[in-house]
Amino acid sequence: MEAKDYDGSFSSTHRAHCDVVTLSAEGLATLLRLRNAPARTNAVTPDLIALHEAGLVHIVATEDGDVALVLSVDGRVLLRSLGAEPAERPLESQL
């Protein structure tokens, strides 16, 4: 039996092990920039949409109409697997 999220899609744990994610240089740079703090932007680019659809970032609207980008757990796992995220940093505390 495969785990599913509340919306019926496969859980992020299952998705991380099955789907191959191809990142552009800009997408990877965005993930690296987000590893220490959320970032605000007023433009939603194709790279940001791709990162969101891959489950690597969360896109959150701010009160002033900008967009805040936050790494998801899957994004942190990817950075950790690339050696860009310290292993001693607990994933759950970064939400």
C-alpha atoms as a PDB file:
ATOM      1  CA  MET A   1       0.000   0.000   0.000  1.00  0.00           C
ATOM      2  CA  GLU A   2       1.352   3.416  -0.932  1.00  0.00           C
ATOM      3  CA  ALA A   3       1.026   6.463   1.301  1.00  0.00           C
ATOM      4  CA  LYS A   4      -1.110   9.279  -0.018  1.00  0.00           C
ATOM      5  CA  ASP A   5      -1.488  12.865   1.118  1.00  0.00           C
ATOM      6  CA  TYR A   6      -4.849  14.246   2.208  1.00  0.00           C
ATOM      7  CA  ASP A   7      -5.578  15.340  -1.384  1.00  0.00           C
ATOM      8  CA  GLY A   8      -5.090  11.810  -2.729  1.00  0.00           C
ATOM      9  CA  SER A   9      -1.694  12.444  -4.322  1.00  0.00           C
ATOM     10  CA  PHE A  10       1.352  10.426  -3.386  1.00  0.00           C
ATOM     11  CA  SER A  11       3.062  11.659  -0.242  1.00  0.00           C
ATOM     12  CA  SER A  12       6.213  13.763  -0.508  1.00  0.00           C
ATOM     13  CA  THR A  13       8.260  10.843   0.841  1.00  0.00           C
ATOM     14  CA  HIS A  14       7.047   8.602  -1.950  1.00  0.00           C
ATOM     15  CA  ARG A  15       7.437  11.369  -4.540  1.00  0.00           C
ATOM     16  CA  ALA A  16      11.038  12.062  -3.513  1.00  0.00           C
ATOM     17  CA  HIS A  17      12.008   8.476  -4.183  1.00  0.00           C
ATOM     18  CA  CYS A  18      10.172   8.029  -7.492  1.00  0.00           C
ATOM     19  CA  ASP A  19      10.310  11.230  -9.494  1.00  0.00           C
ATOM     20  CA  VAL A  20      13.400  12.584 -11.167  1.00  0.00           C
ATOM     21  CA  VAL A  21      13.636  16.349 -10.786  1.00  0.00           C
ATOM     22  CA  THR A  22      15.646  18.280 -13.345  1.00  0.00           C
ATOM     23  CA  LEU A  23      16.757  21.683 -12.103  1.00  0.00           C
ATOM     24  CA  SER A  24      17.989  24.614 -14.135  1.00  0.00           C
ATOM     25  CA  ALA A  25      20.998  26.545 -12.884  1.00  0.00           C
ATOM     26  CA  GLU A  26      18.606  29.275 -11.734  1.00  0.00           C
ATOM     27  CA  GLY A  27      16.433  26.729  -9.903  1.00  0.00           C
ATOM     28  CA  LEU A  28      19.410  25.252  -8.080  1.00  0.00           C
ATOM     29  CA  ALA A  29      20.675  28.742  -7.218  1.00  0.00           C
ATOM     30  CA  THR A  30      17.234  29.573  -5.806  1.00  0.00           C
ATOM     31  CA  LEU A  31      17.280  26.467  -3.606  1.00  0.00           C
ATOM     32  CA  LEU A  32      20.751  27.326  -2.353  1.00  0.00           C
ATOM     33  CA  ARG A  33      19.664  30.902  -1.603  1.00  0.00           C
ATOM     34  CA  LEU A  34      16.634  29.646   0.352  1.00  0.00           C
ATOM     35  CA  ARG A  35      18.569  27.226   2.551  1.00  0.00           C
ATOM     36  CA  ASN A  36      19.191  29.878   5.234  1.00  0.00           C
ATOM     37  CA  ALA A  37      16.119  32.093   5.036  1.00  0.00           C
ATOM     38  CA  PRO A  38      12.886  32.636   3.107  1.00  0.00           C
ATOM     39  CA  ALA A  39      13.147  35.035   0.177  1.00  0.00           C
ATOM     40  CA  ARG A  40      10.632  37.592  -1.021  1.00  0.00           C
ATOM     41  CA  THR A  41       9.984  38.355  -4.647  1.00  0.00           C
ATOM     42  CA  ASN A  42       7.366  40.110  -6.724  1.00  0.00           C
ATOM     43  CA  ALA A  43       7.838  37.914  -9.796  1.00  0.00           C
ATOM     44  CA  VAL A  44       6.785  34.312 -10.184  1.00  0.00           C
ATOM     45  CA  THR A  45       9.077  32.843 -12.841  1.00  0.00           C
ATOM     46  CA  PRO A  46       8.908  29.500 -14.647  1.00  0.00           C
ATOM     47  CA  ASP A  47      11.769  28.283 -12.427  1.00  0.00           C
ATOM     48  CA  LEU A  48       9.804  29.094  -9.267  1.00  0.00           C
ATOM     49  CA  ILE A  49       6.731  27.358 -10.650  1.00  0.00           C
ATOM     50  CA  ALA A  50       8.824  24.275 -11.504  1.00  0.00           C
ATOM     51  CA  LEU A  51      10.358  24.214  -7.996  1.00  0.00           C
ATOM     52  CA  HIS A  52       6.888  24.493  -6.478  1.00  0.00           C
ATOM     53  CA  GLU A  53       5.422  21.766  -8.709  1.00  0.00           C
ATOM     54  CA  ALA A  54       8.348  19.495  -7.816  1.00  0.00           C
ATOM     55  CA  GLY A  55       7.509  20.040  -4.145  1.00  0.00           C
ATOM     56  CA  LEU A  56      10.866  21.679  -3.364  1.00  0.00           C
ATOM     57  CA  VAL A  57       9.550  25.097  -2.288  1.00  0.00           C
ATOM     58  CA  HIS A  58       6.383  26.559  -0.872  1.00  0.00           C
ATOM     59  CA  ILE A  59       5.111  29.801  -2.418  1.00  0.00           C
ATOM     60  CA  VAL A  60       3.348  31.975   0.145  1.00  0.00           C
ATOM     61  CA  ALA A  61       1.573  35.263  -0.600  1.00  0.00           C
ATOM     62  CA  THR A  62       2.468  38.134   1.718  1.00  0.00           C
ATOM     63  CA  GLU A  63       0.176  40.914   2.885  1.00  0.00           C
ATOM     64  CA  ASP A  64       1.811  43.502   0.619  1.00  0.00           C
ATOM     65  CA  GLY A  65       1.286  41.448  -2.558  1.00  0.00           C
ATOM     66  CA  ASP A  66       4.775  39.991  -2.799  1.00  0.00           C
ATOM     67  CA  VAL A  67       5.557  36.296  -2.755  1.00  0.00           C
ATOM     68  CA  ALA A  68       7.673  34.576  -0.101  1.00  0.00           C
ATOM     69  CA  LEU A  69       9.562  31.419  -1.024  1.00  0.00           C
ATOM     70  CA  VAL A  70      10.302  28.818   1.640  1.00  0.00           C
ATOM     71  CA  LEU A  71      12.158  25.529   1.228  1.00  0.00           C
ATOM     72  CA  SER A  72      10.006  22.460   1.746  1.00  0.00           C
ATOM     73  CA  VAL A  73      11.223  19.358   3.536  1.00  0.00           C
ATOM     74  CA  ASP A  74      11.841  17.762   0.123  1.00  0.00           C
ATOM     75  CA  GLY A  75      13.929  20.798  -0.872  1.00  0.00           C
ATOM     76  CA  ARG A  76      16.045  20.402   2.252  1.00  0.00           C
ATOM     77  CA  VAL A  77      16.448  16.676   1.597  1.00  0.00           C
ATOM     78  CA  LEU A  78      17.655  17.435  -1.935  1.00  0.00           C
ATOM     79  CA  LEU A  79      20.151  20.026  -0.699  1.00  0.00           C
ATOM     80  CA  ARG A  80      21.346  17.598   1.976  1.00  0.00           C
ATOM     81  CA  SER A  81      21.878  14.889  -0.653  1.00  0.00           C
ATOM     82  CA  LEU A  82      23.949  17.383  -2.673  1.00  0.00           C
ATOM     83  CA  GLY A  83      26.050  18.180   0.409  1.00  0.00           C
ATOM     84  CA  ALA A  84      24.715  21.728   0.650  1.00  0.00           C
ATOM     85  CA  GLU A  85      22.693  21.272   3.851  1.00  0.00           C
ATOM     86  CA  PRO A  86      24.297  20.227   7.151  1.00  0.00           C
ATOM     87  CA  ALA A  87      23.227  16.749   8.264  1.00  0.00           C
ATOM     88  CA  GLU A  88      23.027  17.730  11.940  1.00  0.00           C
ATOM     89  CA  ARG A  89      20.285  20.288  11.240  1.00  0.00           C
ATOM     90  CA  PRO A  90      16.877  18.667  11.954  1.00  0.00           C
ATOM     91  CA  LEU A  91      14.497  18.910   8.988  1.00  0.00           C
ATOM     92  CA  GLU A  92      11.339  19.279  11.080  1.00  0.00           C
ATOM     93  CA  SER A  93      12.526  22.491  12.749  1.00  0.00           C
ATOM     94  CA  GLN A  94      12.895  24.247   9.400  1.00  0.00           C
ATOM     95  CA  LEU A  95       9.184  24.424   8.520  1.00  0.00           C
END
